[in-house]
Amino acid sequence: MKTTLATMITLITASSAFAASGAESEGSGLFLILFIGIGALIIVGQMLPGLTLFGSMLKGLFSGKDAESRN
């Protein structure tokens, strides 16, 4: 019982010694670059139709036709 208690106390107090410092990381890997690239492609793919619709809306708002002729 005493050895189990002593072992638990030692592990609890020294738990920060087992934490990784992160100093050995090599930077961004291939999967991170692919993940960010695919996310950027999705954003651009959603933005192009939105800009097209926005341009069409502006063209419709500022066209020279009367409002009564559109109805």
C-alpha atoms as a PDB file:
ATOM      1  CA  MET A   1       0.000   0.000   0.000  1.00  0.00           C
ATOM      2  CA  LYS A   2       2.800   2.399   0.867  1.00  0.00           C
ATOM      3  CA  THR A   3       4.650   1.672  -2.367  1.00  0.00           C
ATOM      4  CA  THR A   4       1.500   2.220  -4.426  1.00  0.00           C
ATOM      5  CA  LEU A   5       0.828   5.514  -2.673  1.00  0.00           C
ATOM      6  CA  ALA A   6       4.437   6.626  -3.098  1.00  0.00           C
ATOM      7  CA  THR A   7       4.371   5.701  -6.784  1.00  0.00           C
ATOM      8  CA  MET A   8       1.137   7.634  -7.349  1.00  0.00           C
ATOM      9  CA  ILE A   9       2.471  10.708  -5.570  1.00  0.00           C
ATOM     10  CA  THR A  10       5.663  10.561  -7.609  1.00  0.00           C
ATOM     11  CA  LEU A  11       3.777  10.284 -10.891  1.00  0.00           C
ATOM     12  CA  ILE A  12       1.393  13.104 -10.003  1.00  0.00           C
ATOM     13  CA  THR A  13       4.146  15.524  -9.018  1.00  0.00           C
ATOM     14  CA  ALA A  14       6.399  14.620 -11.957  1.00  0.00           C
ATOM     15  CA  SER A  15       3.685  14.584 -14.614  1.00  0.00           C
ATOM     16  CA  SER A  16       4.920  17.774 -16.245  1.00  0.00           C
ATOM     17  CA  ALA A  17       8.245  16.089 -16.933  1.00  0.00           C
ATOM     18  CA  PHE A  18       6.494  13.755 -19.364  1.00  0.00           C
ATOM     19  CA  ALA A  19       4.953  16.568 -21.411  1.00  0.00           C
ATOM     20  CA  ALA A  20       6.328  17.151 -24.895  1.00  0.00           C
ATOM     21  CA  SER A  21       8.182  20.402 -25.354  1.00  0.00           C
ATOM     22  CA  GLY A  22       7.548  20.650 -29.084  1.00  0.00           C
ATOM     23  CA  ALA A  23      11.150  21.594 -29.779  1.00  0.00           C
ATOM     24  CA  GLU A  24      11.672  18.579 -31.992  1.00  0.00           C
ATOM     25  CA  SER A  25       8.838  19.379 -34.410  1.00  0.00           C
ATOM     26  CA  GLU A  26       9.961  19.764 -37.999  1.00  0.00           C
ATOM     27  CA  GLY A  27       7.288  22.193 -39.115  1.00  0.00           C
ATOM     28  CA  SER A  28       4.236  21.616 -41.248  1.00  0.00           C
ATOM     29  CA  GLY A  29       3.949  18.256 -42.890  1.00  0.00           C
ATOM     30  CA  LEU A  30       2.491  17.182 -46.193  1.00  0.00           C
ATOM     31  CA  PHE A  31      -0.959  16.435 -44.770  1.00  0.00           C
ATOM     32  CA  LEU A  32      -1.270  19.908 -43.252  1.00  0.00           C
ATOM     33  CA  ILE A  33      -0.365  21.532 -46.565  1.00  0.00           C
ATOM     34  CA  LEU A  34      -2.888  19.320 -48.399  1.00  0.00           C
ATOM     35  CA  PHE A  35      -5.579  20.123 -45.828  1.00  0.00           C
ATOM     36  CA  ILE A  36      -5.049  23.876 -46.155  1.00  0.00           C
ATOM     37  CA  GLY A  37      -4.912  23.609 -49.963  1.00  0.00           C
ATOM     38  CA  ILE A  38      -8.185  21.688 -50.180  1.00  0.00           C
ATOM     39  CA  GLY A  39      -9.816  24.198 -47.818  1.00  0.00           C
ATOM     40  CA  ALA A  40      -8.642  27.062 -50.026  1.00  0.00           C
ATOM     41  CA  LEU A  41     -10.019  25.319 -53.121  1.00  0.00           C
ATOM     42  CA  ILE A  42     -13.399  24.916 -51.464  1.00  0.00           C
ATOM     43  CA  ILE A  43     -13.496  28.597 -50.486  1.00  0.00           C
ATOM     44  CA  VAL A  44     -12.531  29.752 -53.994  1.00  0.00           C
ATOM     45  CA  GLY A  45     -14.998  27.319 -55.544  1.00  0.00           C
ATOM     46  CA  GLN A  46     -17.811  28.792 -53.464  1.00  0.00           C
ATOM     47  CA  MET A  47     -16.740  32.379 -54.046  1.00  0.00           C
ATOM     48  CA  LEU A  48     -16.749  32.317 -57.872  1.00  0.00           C
ATOM     49  CA  PRO A  49     -20.484  31.599 -58.313  1.00  0.00           C
ATOM     50  CA  GLY A  50     -21.259  34.081 -55.561  1.00  0.00           C
ATOM     51  CA  LEU A  51     -19.337  36.828 -57.307  1.00  0.00           C
ATOM     52  CA  THR A  52     -21.085  35.966 -60.582  1.00  0.00           C
ATOM     53  CA  LEU A  53     -24.485  36.262 -58.933  1.00  0.00           C
ATOM     54  CA  PHE A  54     -23.464  39.506 -57.246  1.00  0.00           C
ATOM     55  CA  GLY A  55     -22.362  40.936 -60.597  1.00  0.00           C
ATOM     56  CA  SER A  56     -25.658  39.888 -62.184  1.00  0.00           C
ATOM     57  CA  MET A  57     -27.569  41.528 -59.353  1.00  0.00           C
ATOM     58  CA  LEU A  58     -25.671  44.796 -59.787  1.00  0.00           C
ATOM     59  CA  LYS A  59     -26.225  44.652 -63.534  1.00  0.00           C
ATOM     60  CA  GLY A  60     -29.962  44.185 -62.984  1.00  0.00           C
ATOM     61  CA  LEU A  61     -30.150  46.996 -60.448  1.00  0.00           C
ATOM     62  CA  PHE A  62     -28.338  49.544 -62.552  1.00  0.00           C
ATOM     63  CA  SER A  63     -29.714  48.656 -65.963  1.00  0.00           C
ATOM     64  CA  GLY A  64     -31.467  51.441 -67.879  1.00  0.00           C
ATOM     65  CA  LYS A  65     -34.870  49.712 -68.117  1.00  0.00           C
ATOM     66  CA  ASP A  66     -37.929  51.029 -66.283  1.00  0.00           C
ATOM     67  CA  ALA A  67     -39.304  49.097 -63.343  1.00  0.00           C
ATOM     68  CA  GLU A  68     -42.713  48.756 -65.026  1.00  0.00           C
ATOM     69  CA  SER A  69     -41.293  47.121 -68.141  1.00  0.00           C
ATOM     70  CA  ARG A  70     -39.686  44.366 -66.034  1.00  0.00           C
ATOM     71  CA  ASN A  71     -43.036  43.233 -64.602  1.00  0.00           C
END
